[in-house]
């Protein structure tokens, strides 16, 4: 829960090659040197320990694929401060190029720590955004960044499937969905729509075990 509270969340508007997009934005500080955080973001051996196994041509202009189907192109790479990739889903994603981009910015903090910022801009079709709001992607990133925090603190590889079944992480998901609901409200969302989206997101990520 401390990791959940450490992040600042916002929802906004942006653009990708496909057009206007929603953005979900996460900012936080990691108690690690910027070079260590950069390595965790770009080293295949470490990426699979908090995100997913990755394959591909991992250089500027190259294409990557994560186990599970997410794939894209490395659009910008400025070590150790900036990484930007297109972020597409599934085998049919190339039919809608430019629908989603993820950008991560790092900056050295005042005490040897690292300021971390992630912005995911996506053109979201029905029914994803009306049903789930920013929590559709935001809860997923909260879970991955929790695993990244554990990695930077020296913990072992995260088994996402096992972790997400634990009561503690189910509560983390519930609170993460609520936090993204607060970001949605702050961006002008209608309270009734936001409440329904928070409930739908919670049920998606942490369905009732019964």
N, C-alpha and C. Protein backbone atom coordinates (compact mmCIF):
# COMPACT_ATOMS: atom_id res chain seq x y z
N UNK A 1 0.82 -1.20 0.00
CA UNK A 1 0.00 0.00 0.00
C UNK A 1 0.87 1.27 0.00
N UNK A 2 2.07 1.18 0.60
CA UNK A 2 2.98 2.32 0.55
C UNK A 2 3.38 2.61 -0.90
N UNK A 3 3.59 1.56 -1.68
CA UNK A 3 3.95 1.76 -3.09
C UNK A 3 2.80 2.41 -3.86
N UNK A 4 1.58 2.01 -3.55
CA UNK A 4 0.42 2.61 -4.20
C UNK A 4 0.33 4.10 -3.87
N UNK A 5 0.59 4.43 -2.60
CA UNK A 5 0.50 5.82 -2.16
C UNK A 5 1.65 6.66 -2.68
N UNK A 6 2.75 6.03 -3.10
CA UNK A 6 3.91 6.78 -3.55
C UNK A 6 3.72 7.42 -4.91
N UNK A 7 2.73 6.97 -5.66
CA UNK A 7 2.53 7.43 -7.03
C UNK A 7 1.50 8.55 -7.10
N UNK A 8 1.71 9.46 -8.04
CA UNK A 8 0.74 10.50 -8.38
C UNK A 8 0.17 10.16 -9.75
N UNK A 9 -1.14 10.20 -9.87
CA UNK A 9 -1.82 9.77 -11.08
C UNK A 9 -2.61 10.92 -11.70
N UNK A 10 -2.66 10.92 -13.02
CA UNK A 10 -3.44 11.93 -13.72
C UNK A 10 -3.95 11.34 -15.03
N UNK A 11 -5.07 11.88 -15.47
CA UNK A 11 -5.62 11.53 -16.77
C UNK A 11 -5.68 12.80 -17.59
N UNK A 12 -5.35 12.71 -18.87
CA UNK A 12 -5.38 13.90 -19.70
C UNK A 12 -5.65 13.57 -21.15
N UNK A 13 -5.33 14.50 -22.01
CA UNK A 13 -5.48 14.33 -23.45
C UNK A 13 -4.12 14.50 -24.10
N UNK A 14 -3.91 13.75 -25.15
CA UNK A 14 -2.66 13.83 -25.89
C UNK A 14 -2.93 13.45 -27.34
N UNK A 15 -1.88 13.06 -28.02
CA UNK A 15 -2.03 12.64 -29.41
C UNK A 15 -1.00 11.56 -29.73
N UNK A 16 -1.36 10.73 -30.67
CA UNK A 16 -0.49 9.72 -31.24
C UNK A 16 -0.68 9.80 -32.75
N UNK A 17 0.12 9.10 -33.56
CA UNK A 17 -0.06 9.21 -35.02
C UNK A 17 -1.47 8.93 -35.51
N UNK A 18 -2.21 8.10 -34.77
CA UNK A 18 -3.57 7.77 -35.19
C UNK A 18 -4.57 8.89 -34.89
N UNK A 19 -4.18 9.87 -34.05
CA UNK A 19 -5.10 10.96 -33.75
C UNK A 19 -5.13 11.31 -32.28
N UNK A 20 -6.21 11.96 -31.86
CA UNK A 20 -6.36 12.37 -30.46
C UNK A 20 -6.42 11.14 -29.55
N UNK A 21 -5.86 11.30 -28.36
CA UNK A 21 -5.75 10.16 -27.45
C UNK A 21 -6.02 10.59 -26.02
N UNK A 22 -6.43 9.63 -25.20
CA UNK A 22 -6.42 9.80 -23.76
C UNK A 22 -5.02 9.49 -23.25
N UNK A 23 -4.65 10.09 -22.14
CA UNK A 23 -3.39 9.73 -21.51
C UNK A 23 -3.64 9.32 -20.06
N UNK A 24 -2.88 8.34 -19.62
CA UNK A 24 -2.78 8.06 -18.20
C UNK A 24 -1.33 8.32 -17.82
N UNK A 25 -1.15 9.01 -16.70
CA UNK A 25 0.17 9.49 -16.32
C UNK A 25 0.45 9.08 -14.87
N UNK A 26 1.63 8.49 -14.66
CA UNK A 26 2.05 8.07 -13.33
C UNK A 26 3.40 8.70 -13.04
N UNK A 27 3.51 9.35 -11.90
CA UNK A 27 4.78 9.93 -11.48
C UNK A 27 5.10 9.45 -10.07
N UNK A 28 6.37 9.11 -9.84
CA UNK A 28 6.78 8.68 -8.52
C UNK A 28 8.31 8.76 -8.42
N UNK A 29 8.82 8.46 -7.24
CA UNK A 29 10.26 8.45 -7.01
C UNK A 29 10.69 7.06 -6.59
N UNK A 30 11.80 6.60 -7.16
CA UNK A 30 12.38 5.32 -6.76
C UNK A 30 13.68 5.57 -6.01
N UNK A 31 13.88 4.82 -4.95
CA UNK A 31 15.10 4.92 -4.16
C UNK A 31 16.19 4.10 -4.83
N UNK A 32 16.59 4.54 -6.01
CA UNK A 32 17.62 3.85 -6.79
C UNK A 32 18.27 4.86 -7.73
N UNK A 33 19.52 4.60 -8.08
CA UNK A 33 20.23 5.46 -9.02
C UNK A 33 19.58 5.41 -10.39
N UNK A 34 19.67 6.51 -11.13
CA UNK A 34 19.01 6.59 -12.43
C UNK A 34 19.53 5.50 -13.38
N UNK A 35 20.83 5.18 -13.31
CA UNK A 35 21.37 4.14 -14.19
C UNK A 35 20.77 2.78 -13.87
N UNK A 36 20.49 2.53 -12.60
CA UNK A 36 19.88 1.26 -12.20
C UNK A 36 18.45 1.17 -12.71
N UNK A 37 17.69 2.26 -12.59
CA UNK A 37 16.31 2.26 -13.09
C UNK A 37 16.30 2.09 -14.61
N UNK A 38 17.19 2.79 -15.29
CA UNK A 38 17.26 2.68 -16.75
C UNK A 38 17.57 1.24 -17.16
N UNK A 39 18.50 0.60 -16.46
CA UNK A 39 18.85 -0.78 -16.78
C UNK A 39 17.65 -1.70 -16.56
N UNK A 40 16.87 -1.46 -15.51
CA UNK A 40 15.68 -2.28 -15.26
C UNK A 40 14.64 -2.12 -16.35
N UNK A 41 14.62 -0.95 -17.00
CA UNK A 41 13.66 -0.69 -18.07
C UNK A 41 14.10 -1.24 -19.41
N UNK A 42 15.39 -1.47 -19.60
CA UNK A 42 15.90 -1.76 -20.94
C UNK A 42 16.65 -3.08 -21.05
N UNK A 43 17.02 -3.69 -19.94
CA UNK A 43 17.73 -4.97 -19.98
C UNK A 43 16.73 -6.12 -20.10
N UNK A 44 16.81 -6.95 -21.15
CA UNK A 44 15.86 -8.07 -21.27
C UNK A 44 15.86 -8.97 -20.04
N UNK A 45 17.03 -9.18 -19.46
CA UNK A 45 17.12 -10.08 -18.30
C UNK A 45 16.35 -9.52 -17.12
N UNK A 46 16.33 -8.20 -16.98
CA UNK A 46 15.61 -7.60 -15.86
C UNK A 46 14.16 -7.28 -16.22
N UNK A 47 13.88 -6.97 -17.47
CA UNK A 47 12.50 -6.68 -17.87
C UNK A 47 11.56 -7.84 -17.56
N UNK A 48 12.02 -9.06 -17.81
CA UNK A 48 11.11 -10.19 -17.59
C UNK A 48 10.84 -10.40 -16.11
N UNK A 49 11.64 -9.80 -15.25
CA UNK A 49 11.45 -10.00 -13.81
C UNK A 49 10.37 -9.09 -13.24
N UNK A 50 10.02 -8.00 -13.95
CA UNK A 50 8.94 -7.14 -13.43
C UNK A 50 7.85 -6.89 -14.46
N UNK A 51 8.17 -7.00 -15.75
CA UNK A 51 7.17 -6.77 -16.79
C UNK A 51 6.82 -8.11 -17.43
N UNK A 52 7.46 -8.44 -18.55
CA UNK A 52 7.26 -9.72 -19.23
C UNK A 52 8.53 -10.03 -20.03
N UNK A 53 8.73 -11.29 -20.40
CA UNK A 53 9.84 -11.61 -21.30
C UNK A 53 9.71 -10.82 -22.61
N UNK A 54 10.84 -10.33 -23.13
CA UNK A 54 10.83 -9.50 -24.33
C UNK A 54 11.82 -10.06 -25.34
N UNK A 55 11.42 -9.99 -26.61
CA UNK A 55 12.30 -10.38 -27.70
C UNK A 55 12.25 -9.30 -28.77
N UNK A 56 13.20 -9.34 -29.71
CA UNK A 56 13.19 -8.41 -30.81
C UNK A 56 14.51 -7.71 -31.00
N UNK A 57 14.48 -6.69 -31.84
CA UNK A 57 15.65 -5.87 -32.17
C UNK A 57 15.63 -4.67 -31.24
N UNK A 58 16.26 -4.82 -30.09
CA UNK A 58 16.09 -3.85 -29.00
C UNK A 58 17.06 -2.68 -29.15
N UNK A 59 16.80 -1.86 -30.15
CA UNK A 59 17.58 -0.64 -30.38
C UNK A 59 16.65 0.37 -31.05
N UNK A 60 17.10 1.61 -31.16
CA UNK A 60 16.29 2.66 -31.77
C UNK A 60 15.85 2.24 -33.17
N UNK A 61 14.54 2.32 -33.40
CA UNK A 61 13.98 1.90 -34.68
C UNK A 61 13.65 0.44 -34.77
N UNK A 62 14.11 -0.35 -33.79
CA UNK A 62 13.82 -1.78 -33.81
C UNK A 62 12.44 -2.09 -33.27
N UNK A 63 12.01 -3.32 -33.48
CA UNK A 63 10.70 -3.76 -33.01
C UNK A 63 10.87 -4.80 -31.90
N UNK A 64 9.94 -4.77 -30.95
CA UNK A 64 9.99 -5.67 -29.82
C UNK A 64 8.65 -6.39 -29.69
N UNK A 65 8.67 -7.49 -28.94
CA UNK A 65 7.42 -8.18 -28.62
C UNK A 65 7.54 -8.73 -27.21
N UNK A 66 6.49 -8.52 -26.42
CA UNK A 66 6.41 -9.06 -25.08
C UNK A 66 5.62 -10.36 -25.10
N UNK A 67 5.99 -11.27 -24.19
CA UNK A 67 5.21 -12.48 -24.04
C UNK A 67 3.80 -12.08 -23.59
N UNK A 68 2.81 -12.48 -24.34
CA UNK A 68 1.45 -12.06 -24.06
C UNK A 68 0.85 -11.28 -25.19
N UNK A 69 1.71 -10.79 -26.12
CA UNK A 69 1.19 -10.18 -27.34
C UNK A 69 1.45 -8.71 -27.54
N UNK A 70 1.78 -7.95 -26.48
CA UNK A 70 2.07 -6.53 -26.68
C UNK A 70 3.34 -6.40 -27.53
N UNK A 71 3.31 -5.48 -28.48
CA UNK A 71 4.48 -5.31 -29.34
C UNK A 71 4.50 -3.89 -29.88
N UNK A 72 5.62 -3.51 -30.47
CA UNK A 72 5.72 -2.16 -31.01
C UNK A 72 7.11 -1.86 -31.51
N UNK A 73 7.37 -0.57 -31.69
CA UNK A 73 8.64 -0.09 -32.23
C UNK A 73 9.27 0.87 -31.23
N UNK A 74 10.59 0.83 -31.12
CA UNK A 74 11.31 1.75 -30.24
C UNK A 74 11.48 3.08 -30.98
N UNK A 75 10.73 4.10 -30.54
CA UNK A 75 10.65 5.38 -31.24
C UNK A 75 11.71 6.37 -30.81
N UNK A 76 12.02 6.38 -29.52
CA UNK A 76 13.07 7.26 -28.99
C UNK A 76 13.82 6.50 -27.90
N UNK A 77 15.12 6.71 -27.83
CA UNK A 77 15.93 6.06 -26.80
C UNK A 77 17.11 6.97 -26.50
N UNK A 78 17.06 7.63 -25.34
CA UNK A 78 18.07 8.59 -24.94
C UNK A 78 18.56 8.23 -23.54
N UNK A 79 19.49 7.26 -23.46
CA UNK A 79 19.96 6.79 -22.15
C UNK A 79 20.59 7.92 -21.33
N UNK A 80 20.35 7.96 -20.01
CA UNK A 80 19.44 7.11 -19.25
C UNK A 80 18.16 7.85 -18.87
N UNK A 81 17.64 8.68 -19.79
CA UNK A 81 16.57 9.59 -19.40
C UNK A 81 15.24 9.41 -20.12
N UNK A 82 15.24 8.86 -21.32
CA UNK A 82 14.00 8.84 -22.10
C UNK A 82 13.89 7.58 -22.94
N UNK A 83 12.74 6.93 -22.84
CA UNK A 83 12.41 5.79 -23.69
C UNK A 83 10.97 5.95 -24.14
N UNK A 84 10.75 5.83 -25.45
CA UNK A 84 9.40 5.95 -26.00
C UNK A 84 9.19 4.85 -27.03
N UNK A 85 8.05 4.15 -26.89
CA UNK A 85 7.75 3.03 -27.79
C UNK A 85 6.29 3.11 -28.22
N UNK A 86 6.01 2.58 -29.41
CA UNK A 86 4.61 2.32 -29.74
C UNK A 86 4.21 1.05 -28.99
N UNK A 87 2.93 0.96 -28.65
CA UNK A 87 2.47 -0.12 -27.74
C UNK A 87 1.17 -0.66 -28.31
N UNK A 88 1.26 -1.79 -28.99
CA UNK A 88 0.12 -2.36 -29.69
C UNK A 88 -0.23 -3.71 -29.09
N UNK A 89 -1.46 -4.15 -29.32
CA UNK A 89 -1.97 -5.37 -28.70
C UNK A 89 -2.45 -6.35 -29.74
N UNK A 90 -2.03 -7.60 -29.62
CA UNK A 90 -2.63 -8.68 -30.38
C UNK A 90 -2.18 -8.76 -31.82
N UNK A 91 -2.53 -9.87 -32.49
CA UNK A 91 -2.06 -10.10 -33.86
C UNK A 91 -2.64 -9.16 -34.89
N UNK A 92 -3.78 -8.52 -34.60
CA UNK A 92 -4.41 -7.62 -35.57
C UNK A 92 -4.06 -6.16 -35.33
N UNK A 93 -3.15 -5.89 -34.38
CA UNK A 93 -2.88 -4.51 -34.00
C UNK A 93 -2.29 -3.69 -35.13
N UNK A 94 -1.54 -4.31 -36.05
CA UNK A 94 -0.91 -3.55 -37.12
C UNK A 94 -1.94 -2.95 -38.07
N UNK A 95 -3.18 -3.40 -37.99
CA UNK A 95 -4.23 -2.80 -38.81
C UNK A 95 -4.59 -1.40 -38.33
N UNK A 96 -4.20 -1.08 -37.07
CA UNK A 96 -4.46 0.24 -36.51
C UNK A 96 -3.16 0.83 -35.95
N UNK A 97 -2.18 1.11 -36.84
CA UNK A 97 -0.88 1.58 -36.34
C UNK A 97 -1.01 2.92 -35.64
N UNK A 98 -0.16 3.11 -34.65
CA UNK A 98 -0.12 4.40 -33.97
C UNK A 98 -1.23 4.63 -32.99
N UNK A 99 -1.91 3.57 -32.53
CA UNK A 99 -3.03 3.78 -31.63
C UNK A 99 -2.61 3.93 -30.18
N UNK A 100 -1.36 3.60 -29.85
CA UNK A 100 -0.95 3.63 -28.45
C UNK A 100 0.56 3.82 -28.36
N UNK A 101 1.00 4.70 -27.46
CA UNK A 101 2.43 4.93 -27.23
C UNK A 101 2.69 5.06 -25.74
N UNK A 102 3.83 4.53 -25.31
CA UNK A 102 4.25 4.63 -23.92
C UNK A 102 5.58 5.38 -23.89
N UNK A 103 5.64 6.39 -23.04
CA UNK A 103 6.87 7.18 -22.87
C UNK A 103 7.25 7.17 -21.40
N UNK A 104 8.52 6.89 -21.13
CA UNK A 104 9.04 6.93 -19.77
C UNK A 104 10.17 7.94 -19.71
N UNK A 105 10.08 8.83 -18.73
CA UNK A 105 11.13 9.83 -18.51
C UNK A 105 11.73 9.64 -17.12
N UNK A 106 13.04 9.72 -17.03
CA UNK A 106 13.75 9.60 -15.76
C UNK A 106 14.56 10.86 -15.53
N UNK A 107 14.69 11.23 -14.26
CA UNK A 107 15.54 12.36 -13.89
C UNK A 107 16.20 12.05 -12.56
N UNK A 108 17.47 12.39 -12.38
CA UNK A 108 18.11 12.13 -11.09
C UNK A 108 17.50 12.98 -9.99
N UNK A 109 17.24 12.37 -8.85
CA UNK A 109 16.69 13.09 -7.70
C UNK A 109 17.80 13.71 -6.87
N UNK A 110 17.43 14.46 -5.85
CA UNK A 110 18.40 15.22 -5.07
C UNK A 110 19.26 14.37 -4.13
N UNK A 111 18.84 13.13 -3.86
CA UNK A 111 19.57 12.31 -2.88
C UNK A 111 20.01 10.98 -3.48
N UNK A 112 20.31 10.97 -4.77
CA UNK A 112 20.71 9.74 -5.42
C UNK A 112 19.57 8.85 -5.85
N UNK A 113 18.33 9.35 -5.71
CA UNK A 113 17.17 8.60 -6.14
C UNK A 113 16.81 9.01 -7.57
N UNK A 114 15.66 8.53 -8.05
CA UNK A 114 15.28 8.78 -9.44
C UNK A 114 13.82 9.19 -9.52
N UNK A 115 13.57 10.29 -10.21
CA UNK A 115 12.20 10.71 -10.51
C UNK A 115 11.75 9.97 -11.77
N UNK A 116 10.59 9.31 -11.66
CA UNK A 116 10.08 8.44 -12.72
C UNK A 116 8.75 8.98 -13.22
N UNK A 117 8.58 9.05 -14.52
CA UNK A 117 7.31 9.48 -15.11
C UNK A 117 6.97 8.57 -16.28
N UNK A 118 5.76 8.03 -16.26
CA UNK A 118 5.27 7.20 -17.36
C UNK A 118 3.99 7.82 -17.90
N UNK A 119 3.93 7.97 -19.22
CA UNK A 119 2.73 8.49 -19.89
C UNK A 119 2.33 7.49 -20.97
N UNK A 120 1.13 6.95 -20.85
CA UNK A 120 0.60 6.04 -21.85
C UNK A 120 -0.55 6.76 -22.57
N UNK A 121 -0.33 7.06 -23.84
CA UNK A 121 -1.34 7.74 -24.66
C UNK A 121 -1.96 6.72 -25.60
N UNK A 122 -3.29 6.67 -25.63
CA UNK A 122 -3.96 5.65 -26.43
C UNK A 122 -5.26 6.18 -27.03
N UNK A 123 -5.49 5.81 -28.28
CA UNK A 123 -6.81 6.01 -28.90
C UNK A 123 -7.65 4.82 -28.47
N UNK A 124 -8.64 5.04 -27.63
CA UNK A 124 -9.40 3.95 -27.01
C UNK A 124 -10.79 3.89 -27.62
N UNK A 125 -11.11 2.74 -28.21
CA UNK A 125 -12.40 2.56 -28.84
C UNK A 125 -13.43 2.03 -27.82
N UNK A 126 -14.71 2.03 -28.22
CA UNK A 126 -15.75 1.37 -27.43
C UNK A 126 -15.39 -0.11 -27.31
N UNK A 127 -15.69 -0.77 -26.21
CA UNK A 127 -16.30 -0.20 -25.01
C UNK A 127 -15.29 0.12 -23.92
N UNK A 128 -13.98 0.10 -24.27
CA UNK A 128 -12.96 0.15 -23.21
C UNK A 128 -13.05 1.39 -22.36
N UNK A 129 -12.96 2.59 -22.97
CA UNK A 129 -12.93 3.77 -22.11
C UNK A 129 -14.28 4.03 -21.44
N UNK A 130 -15.39 4.01 -22.16
CA UNK A 130 -16.66 4.25 -21.46
C UNK A 130 -16.92 3.26 -20.33
N UNK A 131 -16.46 2.02 -20.50
CA UNK A 131 -16.73 1.01 -19.47
C UNK A 131 -15.75 1.10 -18.31
N UNK A 132 -14.46 1.25 -18.60
CA UNK A 132 -13.44 1.12 -17.57
C UNK A 132 -12.74 2.41 -17.19
N UNK A 133 -12.83 3.46 -18.02
CA UNK A 133 -12.13 4.69 -17.70
C UNK A 133 -10.61 4.50 -17.70
N UNK A 134 -9.86 5.40 -17.09
CA UNK A 134 -8.39 5.30 -17.12
C UNK A 134 -7.85 4.09 -16.37
N UNK A 135 -8.67 3.50 -15.50
CA UNK A 135 -8.22 2.30 -14.79
C UNK A 135 -7.97 1.12 -15.70
N UNK A 136 -8.51 1.15 -16.94
CA UNK A 136 -8.31 0.04 -17.87
C UNK A 136 -6.82 -0.25 -18.04
N UNK A 137 -6.04 0.80 -18.23
CA UNK A 137 -4.60 0.64 -18.33
C UNK A 137 -3.89 0.99 -17.03
N UNK A 138 -4.49 1.90 -16.26
CA UNK A 138 -3.82 2.40 -15.08
C UNK A 138 -3.57 1.35 -14.02
N UNK A 139 -4.55 0.47 -13.78
CA UNK A 139 -4.36 -0.57 -12.76
C UNK A 139 -3.26 -1.52 -13.20
N UNK A 140 -3.23 -1.85 -14.48
CA UNK A 140 -2.17 -2.72 -14.97
C UNK A 140 -0.79 -2.12 -14.76
N UNK A 141 -0.65 -0.83 -15.05
CA UNK A 141 0.65 -0.19 -14.84
C UNK A 141 0.98 -0.10 -13.35
N UNK A 142 -0.01 0.14 -12.51
CA UNK A 142 0.27 0.14 -11.06
C UNK A 142 0.84 -1.20 -10.62
N UNK A 143 0.28 -2.29 -11.13
CA UNK A 143 0.77 -3.62 -10.76
C UNK A 143 2.19 -3.84 -11.27
N UNK A 144 2.47 -3.43 -12.50
CA UNK A 144 3.82 -3.60 -13.03
C UNK A 144 4.82 -2.72 -12.27
N UNK A 145 4.43 -1.51 -11.94
CA UNK A 145 5.37 -0.63 -11.23
C UNK A 145 5.58 -1.08 -9.79
N UNK A 146 4.59 -1.76 -9.20
CA UNK A 146 4.81 -2.39 -7.91
C UNK A 146 5.91 -3.45 -8.05
N UNK A 147 5.84 -4.25 -9.11
CA UNK A 147 6.86 -5.27 -9.35
C UNK A 147 8.22 -4.63 -9.62
N UNK A 148 8.24 -3.50 -10.34
CA UNK A 148 9.51 -2.79 -10.58
C UNK A 148 10.11 -2.30 -9.27
N UNK A 149 9.27 -1.77 -8.38
CA UNK A 149 9.77 -1.30 -7.08
C UNK A 149 10.40 -2.46 -6.30
N UNK A 150 9.77 -3.62 -6.36
CA UNK A 150 10.31 -4.80 -5.66
C UNK A 150 11.64 -5.21 -6.27
N UNK A 151 11.75 -5.16 -7.60
CA UNK A 151 13.00 -5.51 -8.26
C UNK A 151 14.12 -4.55 -7.84
N UNK A 152 13.82 -3.26 -7.85
CA UNK A 152 14.84 -2.26 -7.49
C UNK A 152 15.25 -2.38 -6.04
N UNK A 153 14.36 -2.95 -5.21
CA UNK A 153 14.68 -3.16 -3.80
C UNK A 153 15.40 -4.48 -3.56
N UNK A 154 15.63 -5.26 -4.65
CA UNK A 154 16.39 -6.49 -4.52
C UNK A 154 15.58 -7.75 -4.42
N UNK A 155 14.25 -7.68 -4.65
CA UNK A 155 13.43 -8.88 -4.57
C UNK A 155 13.58 -9.73 -5.83
N UNK A 156 13.05 -10.94 -5.77
CA UNK A 156 13.16 -11.87 -6.88
C UNK A 156 12.10 -11.56 -7.95
N UNK A 157 12.13 -12.36 -9.02
CA UNK A 157 11.18 -12.22 -10.12
C UNK A 157 9.74 -12.30 -9.60
N UNK A 158 8.88 -11.43 -10.13
CA UNK A 158 7.47 -11.43 -9.74
C UNK A 158 6.67 -12.38 -10.63
N UNK A 159 5.94 -13.30 -10.01
CA UNK A 159 4.98 -14.15 -10.71
C UNK A 159 3.64 -13.42 -10.65
N UNK A 160 3.32 -12.69 -11.71
CA UNK A 160 2.13 -11.82 -11.69
C UNK A 160 0.86 -12.62 -11.43
N UNK A 161 0.75 -13.79 -12.07
CA UNK A 161 -0.49 -14.56 -11.92
C UNK A 161 -0.69 -15.00 -10.48
N UNK A 162 0.40 -15.45 -9.84
CA UNK A 162 0.29 -15.89 -8.44
C UNK A 162 0.05 -14.71 -7.51
N UNK A 163 0.76 -13.62 -7.76
CA UNK A 163 0.64 -12.45 -6.89
C UNK A 163 -0.77 -11.90 -6.91
N UNK A 164 -1.38 -11.83 -8.10
CA UNK A 164 -2.69 -11.20 -8.24
C UNK A 164 -3.80 -11.99 -7.57
N UNK A 165 -3.53 -13.24 -7.18
CA UNK A 165 -4.52 -14.04 -6.47
C UNK A 165 -4.45 -13.82 -4.96
N UNK A 166 -3.43 -13.12 -4.48
CA UNK A 166 -3.27 -12.95 -3.04
C UNK A 166 -4.26 -11.90 -2.53
N UNK A 167 -4.74 -12.04 -1.30
CA UNK A 167 -5.67 -11.05 -0.73
C UNK A 167 -5.06 -9.64 -0.69
N UNK A 168 -3.76 -9.56 -0.41
CA UNK A 168 -3.12 -8.24 -0.32
C UNK A 168 -3.15 -7.53 -1.66
N UNK A 169 -2.87 -8.25 -2.73
CA UNK A 169 -2.84 -7.61 -4.04
C UNK A 169 -4.26 -7.36 -4.55
N UNK A 170 -5.21 -8.18 -4.17
CA UNK A 170 -6.61 -7.87 -4.52
C UNK A 170 -7.02 -6.54 -3.88
N UNK A 171 -6.57 -6.29 -2.66
CA UNK A 171 -6.86 -5.01 -2.02
C UNK A 171 -6.10 -3.89 -2.72
N UNK A 172 -4.87 -4.15 -3.13
CA UNK A 172 -4.09 -3.19 -3.90
C UNK A 172 -4.84 -2.81 -5.18
N UNK A 173 -5.38 -3.81 -5.88
CA UNK A 173 -6.13 -3.55 -7.11
C UNK A 173 -7.36 -2.69 -6.82
N UNK A 174 -8.07 -3.02 -5.75
CA UNK A 174 -9.27 -2.25 -5.41
C UNK A 174 -8.90 -0.78 -5.17
N UNK A 175 -7.82 -0.55 -4.43
CA UNK A 175 -7.42 0.82 -4.13
C UNK A 175 -6.84 1.52 -5.36
N UNK A 176 -6.16 0.77 -6.22
CA UNK A 176 -5.64 1.35 -7.45
C UNK A 176 -6.79 1.81 -8.35
N UNK A 177 -7.82 0.97 -8.50
CA UNK A 177 -8.97 1.36 -9.32
C UNK A 177 -9.63 2.62 -8.76
N UNK A 178 -9.73 2.69 -7.42
CA UNK A 178 -10.31 3.88 -6.79
C UNK A 178 -9.44 5.11 -7.05
N UNK A 179 -8.11 4.94 -7.00
CA UNK A 179 -7.21 6.07 -7.24
C UNK A 179 -7.33 6.58 -8.67
N UNK A 180 -7.49 5.66 -9.62
CA UNK A 180 -7.69 6.11 -11.01
C UNK A 180 -9.07 6.75 -11.17
N UNK A 181 -10.04 6.32 -10.37
CA UNK A 181 -11.32 7.01 -10.37
C UNK A 181 -11.18 8.45 -9.91
N UNK A 182 -10.34 8.68 -8.90
CA UNK A 182 -10.09 10.04 -8.43
C UNK A 182 -9.43 10.88 -9.53
N UNK A 183 -8.50 10.28 -10.26
CA UNK A 183 -7.87 11.00 -11.37
C UNK A 183 -8.89 11.32 -12.46
N UNK A 184 -9.80 10.39 -12.70
CA UNK A 184 -10.86 10.58 -13.69
C UNK A 184 -11.78 11.74 -13.27
N UNK A 185 -12.16 11.76 -12.00
CA UNK A 185 -12.98 12.86 -11.49
C UNK A 185 -12.26 14.20 -11.64
N UNK A 186 -10.96 14.22 -11.30
CA UNK A 186 -10.18 15.45 -11.38
C UNK A 186 -10.08 15.97 -12.81
N UNK A 187 -10.20 15.04 -13.79
CA UNK A 187 -10.13 15.43 -15.19
C UNK A 187 -11.50 15.81 -15.75
N UNK A 188 -12.53 15.81 -14.89
CA UNK A 188 -13.85 16.24 -15.32
C UNK A 188 -14.85 15.14 -15.57
N UNK A 189 -14.55 13.91 -15.15
CA UNK A 189 -15.47 12.81 -15.34
C UNK A 189 -16.74 12.98 -14.53
N UNK A 190 -17.84 12.49 -15.07
CA UNK A 190 -19.11 12.54 -14.35
C UNK A 190 -19.09 11.52 -13.21
N UNK A 191 -19.51 11.91 -12.00
CA UNK A 191 -19.40 10.99 -10.86
C UNK A 191 -20.04 9.63 -11.08
N UNK A 192 -21.23 9.58 -11.69
CA UNK A 192 -21.89 8.29 -11.89
C UNK A 192 -21.10 7.42 -12.86
N UNK A 193 -20.58 8.04 -13.93
CA UNK A 193 -19.77 7.29 -14.90
C UNK A 193 -18.49 6.79 -14.23
N UNK A 194 -17.86 7.65 -13.44
CA UNK A 194 -16.61 7.28 -12.77
C UNK A 194 -16.85 6.11 -11.82
N UNK A 195 -17.90 6.17 -11.02
CA UNK A 195 -18.19 5.10 -10.07
C UNK A 195 -18.41 3.77 -10.79
N UNK A 196 -19.14 3.80 -11.90
CA UNK A 196 -19.38 2.58 -12.66
C UNK A 196 -18.08 2.04 -13.27
N UNK A 197 -17.22 2.95 -13.74
CA UNK A 197 -15.95 2.54 -14.33
C UNK A 197 -15.03 1.92 -13.28
N UNK A 198 -15.00 2.50 -12.08
CA UNK A 198 -14.18 1.94 -11.00
C UNK A 198 -14.65 0.54 -10.65
N UNK A 199 -15.96 0.34 -10.56
CA UNK A 199 -16.50 -0.98 -10.24
C UNK A 199 -16.16 -1.99 -11.34
N UNK A 200 -16.30 -1.57 -12.61
CA UNK A 200 -16.01 -2.48 -13.72
C UNK A 200 -14.53 -2.84 -13.76
N UNK A 201 -13.66 -1.86 -13.51
CA UNK A 201 -12.22 -2.12 -13.51
C UNK A 201 -11.84 -3.06 -12.38
N UNK A 202 -12.39 -2.83 -11.20
CA UNK A 202 -12.10 -3.71 -10.05
C UNK A 202 -12.52 -5.13 -10.36
N UNK A 203 -13.71 -5.30 -10.92
CA UNK A 203 -14.22 -6.64 -11.23
C UNK A 203 -13.41 -7.32 -12.31
N UNK A 204 -12.85 -6.52 -13.24
CA UNK A 204 -12.03 -7.10 -14.30
C UNK A 204 -10.70 -7.63 -13.76
N UNK A 205 -10.02 -6.80 -12.96
CA UNK A 205 -8.70 -7.19 -12.46
C UNK A 205 -8.77 -8.12 -11.25
N UNK A 206 -9.81 -8.01 -10.48
CA UNK A 206 -9.92 -8.84 -9.27
C UNK A 206 -11.35 -9.37 -9.16
N UNK A 207 -11.74 -10.28 -10.07
CA UNK A 207 -13.10 -10.82 -10.01
C UNK A 207 -13.33 -11.58 -8.72
N UNK A 208 -14.59 -11.68 -8.34
CA UNK A 208 -14.96 -12.40 -7.13
C UNK A 208 -14.51 -13.86 -7.25
N UNK A 209 -13.68 -14.37 -6.33
CA UNK A 209 -13.21 -15.75 -6.42
C UNK A 209 -14.34 -16.77 -6.47
N UNK A 210 -15.48 -16.42 -5.90
CA UNK A 210 -16.60 -17.36 -5.91
C UNK A 210 -17.16 -17.56 -7.32
